[in-house]
Amino acid sequence: MPKISIQDLKKIKEREKAKMVLREGQFRARITVHMGTCGIAAGAREIMSVFRDEIARRDILDVMLTNSGCAGLCAKEPMITVELADQSPVKYVKLDKDKALRIFDEHVVGGTPVEDYALARGSETMAT
């Protein structure tokens, strides 16, 4: 069995710390990908992967990525809801990879909603 290095232990510590921050609700943003069957058929899995990859690539620890079932607007899929701790939630519709990346950059990271893809604001509440 190989020995664990100090660097390995630091990586494990950071990974577990990130899990605890999210579990305890100490996050500044939550992205919910709506993944009912209609969402999945429309490409929600790809959208989920885009956000998961960006969070990992940028080593972001204070953004929770989660999923939900059908949001009831099948013709508008794939859809996400972005909630920042200090703003009303925004529901985005008819997404693709490029739109998802723009939303991540401008809204999740930058704090400015992307009105071009937004359907509604304030339809959900952030859990505290």
Protein backbone atom coordinates (compact mmCIF):
# COMPACT_ATOMS: atom_id res chain seq x y z
CA MET A 1 0.00 0.00 0.00
CA PRO A 2 1.51 3.38 -1.03
CA LYS A 3 2.21 6.02 1.56
CA ILE A 4 0.05 9.14 1.63
CA SER A 5 1.99 12.36 1.17
CA ILE A 6 1.37 15.67 2.90
CA GLN A 7 0.10 17.01 -0.43
CA ASP A 8 -2.40 14.13 -0.66
CA LEU A 9 -3.64 14.88 2.85
CA LYS A 10 -4.09 18.57 1.98
CA LYS A 11 -6.16 17.64 -1.07
CA ILE A 12 -8.33 15.30 1.00
CA LYS A 13 -8.79 17.99 3.65
CA GLU A 14 -9.88 20.61 1.08
CA ARG A 15 -12.28 18.19 -0.62
CA GLU A 16 -13.91 17.24 2.68
CA LYS A 17 -14.01 20.86 3.83
CA ALA A 18 -15.92 21.76 0.66
CA LYS A 19 -18.44 19.01 1.35
CA MET A 20 -18.97 20.28 4.91
CA VAL A 21 -19.46 23.89 3.76
CA LEU A 22 -22.18 22.83 1.36
CA ARG A 23 -23.80 20.41 3.79
CA GLU A 24 -24.00 23.08 6.49
CA GLY A 25 -25.54 25.61 4.10
CA GLN A 26 -22.56 27.93 4.09
CA PHE A 27 -22.59 28.56 0.38
CA ARG A 28 -23.05 31.79 -1.52
CA ALA A 29 -24.76 30.25 -4.54
CA ARG A 30 -26.86 27.27 -5.51
CA ILE A 31 -27.44 26.07 -9.06
CA THR A 32 -30.39 23.71 -9.49
CA VAL A 33 -30.58 21.82 -12.77
CA HIS A 34 -34.17 20.69 -13.45
CA MET A 35 -33.83 17.04 -14.46
CA GLY A 36 -37.26 15.58 -15.01
CA THR A 37 -37.52 13.26 -17.99
CA CYS A 38 -38.33 16.23 -20.23
CA GLY A 39 -35.24 18.08 -19.00
CA ILE A 40 -33.00 15.07 -19.48
CA ALA A 41 -34.37 14.53 -22.99
CA ALA A 42 -33.69 18.20 -23.79
CA GLY A 43 -30.06 18.08 -22.59
CA ALA A 44 -30.08 18.72 -18.82
CA ARG A 45 -27.32 16.16 -18.24
CA GLU A 46 -24.97 18.16 -20.49
CA ILE A 47 -25.90 21.35 -18.61
CA MET A 48 -25.20 19.62 -15.28
CA SER A 49 -21.80 18.51 -16.62
CA VAL A 50 -20.94 22.05 -17.76
CA PHE A 51 -21.52 23.43 -14.26
CA ARG A 52 -19.80 20.50 -12.52
CA ASP A 53 -16.75 20.91 -14.78
CA GLU A 54 -16.55 24.68 -14.27
CA ILE A 55 -16.84 24.37 -10.49
CA ALA A 56 -14.06 21.78 -10.46
CA ARG A 57 -11.86 23.58 -13.00
CA ARG A 58 -12.01 26.83 -11.06
CA ASP A 59 -11.75 25.05 -7.70
CA ILE A 60 -14.86 26.85 -6.40
CA LEU A 61 -15.92 25.68 -2.95
CA ASP A 62 -18.89 27.90 -2.14
CA VAL A 63 -21.28 26.98 -4.96
CA MET A 64 -23.74 24.13 -4.50
CA LEU A 65 -24.79 22.22 -7.60
CA THR A 66 -27.95 20.19 -7.20
CA ASN A 67 -30.83 18.85 -9.25
CA SER A 68 -34.59 18.67 -9.03
CA GLY A 69 -37.41 17.00 -10.88
CA CYS A 70 -39.66 18.53 -13.48
CA ALA A 71 -40.37 22.24 -13.08
CA GLY A 72 -43.57 21.95 -15.13
CA LEU A 73 -42.39 23.88 -18.19
CA CYS A 74 -41.35 21.06 -20.51
CA ALA A 75 -41.20 23.24 -23.63
CA LYS A 76 -38.62 25.49 -21.93
CA GLU A 77 -36.12 22.74 -21.03
CA PRO A 78 -33.30 22.46 -20.23
CA MET A 79 -33.79 24.79 -17.28
CA ILE A 80 -31.84 25.85 -14.21
CA THR A 81 -32.46 28.04 -11.20
CA VAL A 82 -29.61 30.15 -9.85
CA GLU A 83 -29.86 31.37 -6.27
CA LEU A 84 -27.34 33.74 -4.76
CA ALA A 85 -27.45 34.32 -1.01
CA ASP A 86 -28.25 38.03 -1.39
CA GLN A 87 -30.50 38.01 -4.50
CA SER A 88 -33.83 36.68 -5.71
CA PRO A 89 -33.58 33.36 -7.54
CA VAL A 90 -33.53 33.44 -11.34
CA LYS A 91 -34.92 30.66 -13.54
CA TYR A 92 -33.14 30.25 -16.88
CA VAL A 93 -34.65 28.39 -19.84
CA LYS A 94 -33.78 26.79 -23.19
CA LEU A 95 -30.13 26.37 -22.27
CA ASP A 96 -27.15 24.98 -24.11
CA LYS A 97 -23.47 24.72 -23.20
CA ASP A 98 -22.58 28.27 -24.27
CA LYS A 99 -25.52 29.81 -22.42
CA ALA A 100 -24.67 27.81 -19.31
CA LEU A 101 -21.07 29.04 -19.37
CA ARG A 102 -22.22 32.65 -19.76
CA ILE A 103 -24.63 32.27 -16.83
CA PHE A 104 -21.86 30.75 -14.73
CA ASP A 105 -19.45 33.59 -15.52
CA GLU A 106 -21.83 36.51 -15.28
CA HIS A 107 -24.37 35.43 -12.66
CA VAL A 108 -22.85 32.73 -10.45
CA VAL A 109 -19.34 34.22 -10.37
CA GLY A 110 -20.07 37.85 -11.22
CA GLY A 111 -23.40 38.33 -9.45
CA THR A 112 -25.23 39.85 -12.44
CA PRO A 113 -28.19 37.88 -13.83
CA VAL A 114 -28.21 37.21 -17.57
CA GLU A 115 -31.54 38.71 -18.62
CA ASP A 116 -31.26 37.29 -22.15
CA TYR A 117 -31.99 33.75 -20.91
CA ALA A 118 -34.07 34.46 -17.79
CA LEU A 119 -37.70 33.42 -17.57
CA ALA A 120 -38.55 34.57 -14.05
CA ARG A 121 -37.14 35.98 -10.82
CA GLY A 122 -38.08 35.19 -7.25
CA SER A 123 -40.08 32.03 -7.91
CA GLU A 124 -38.17 29.99 -5.33
CA THR A 125 -36.49 30.65 -2.02
CA MET A 126 -33.02 29.78 -0.86
CA ALA A 127 -32.82 27.38 2.07
CA THR A 128 -31.00 28.80 5.08
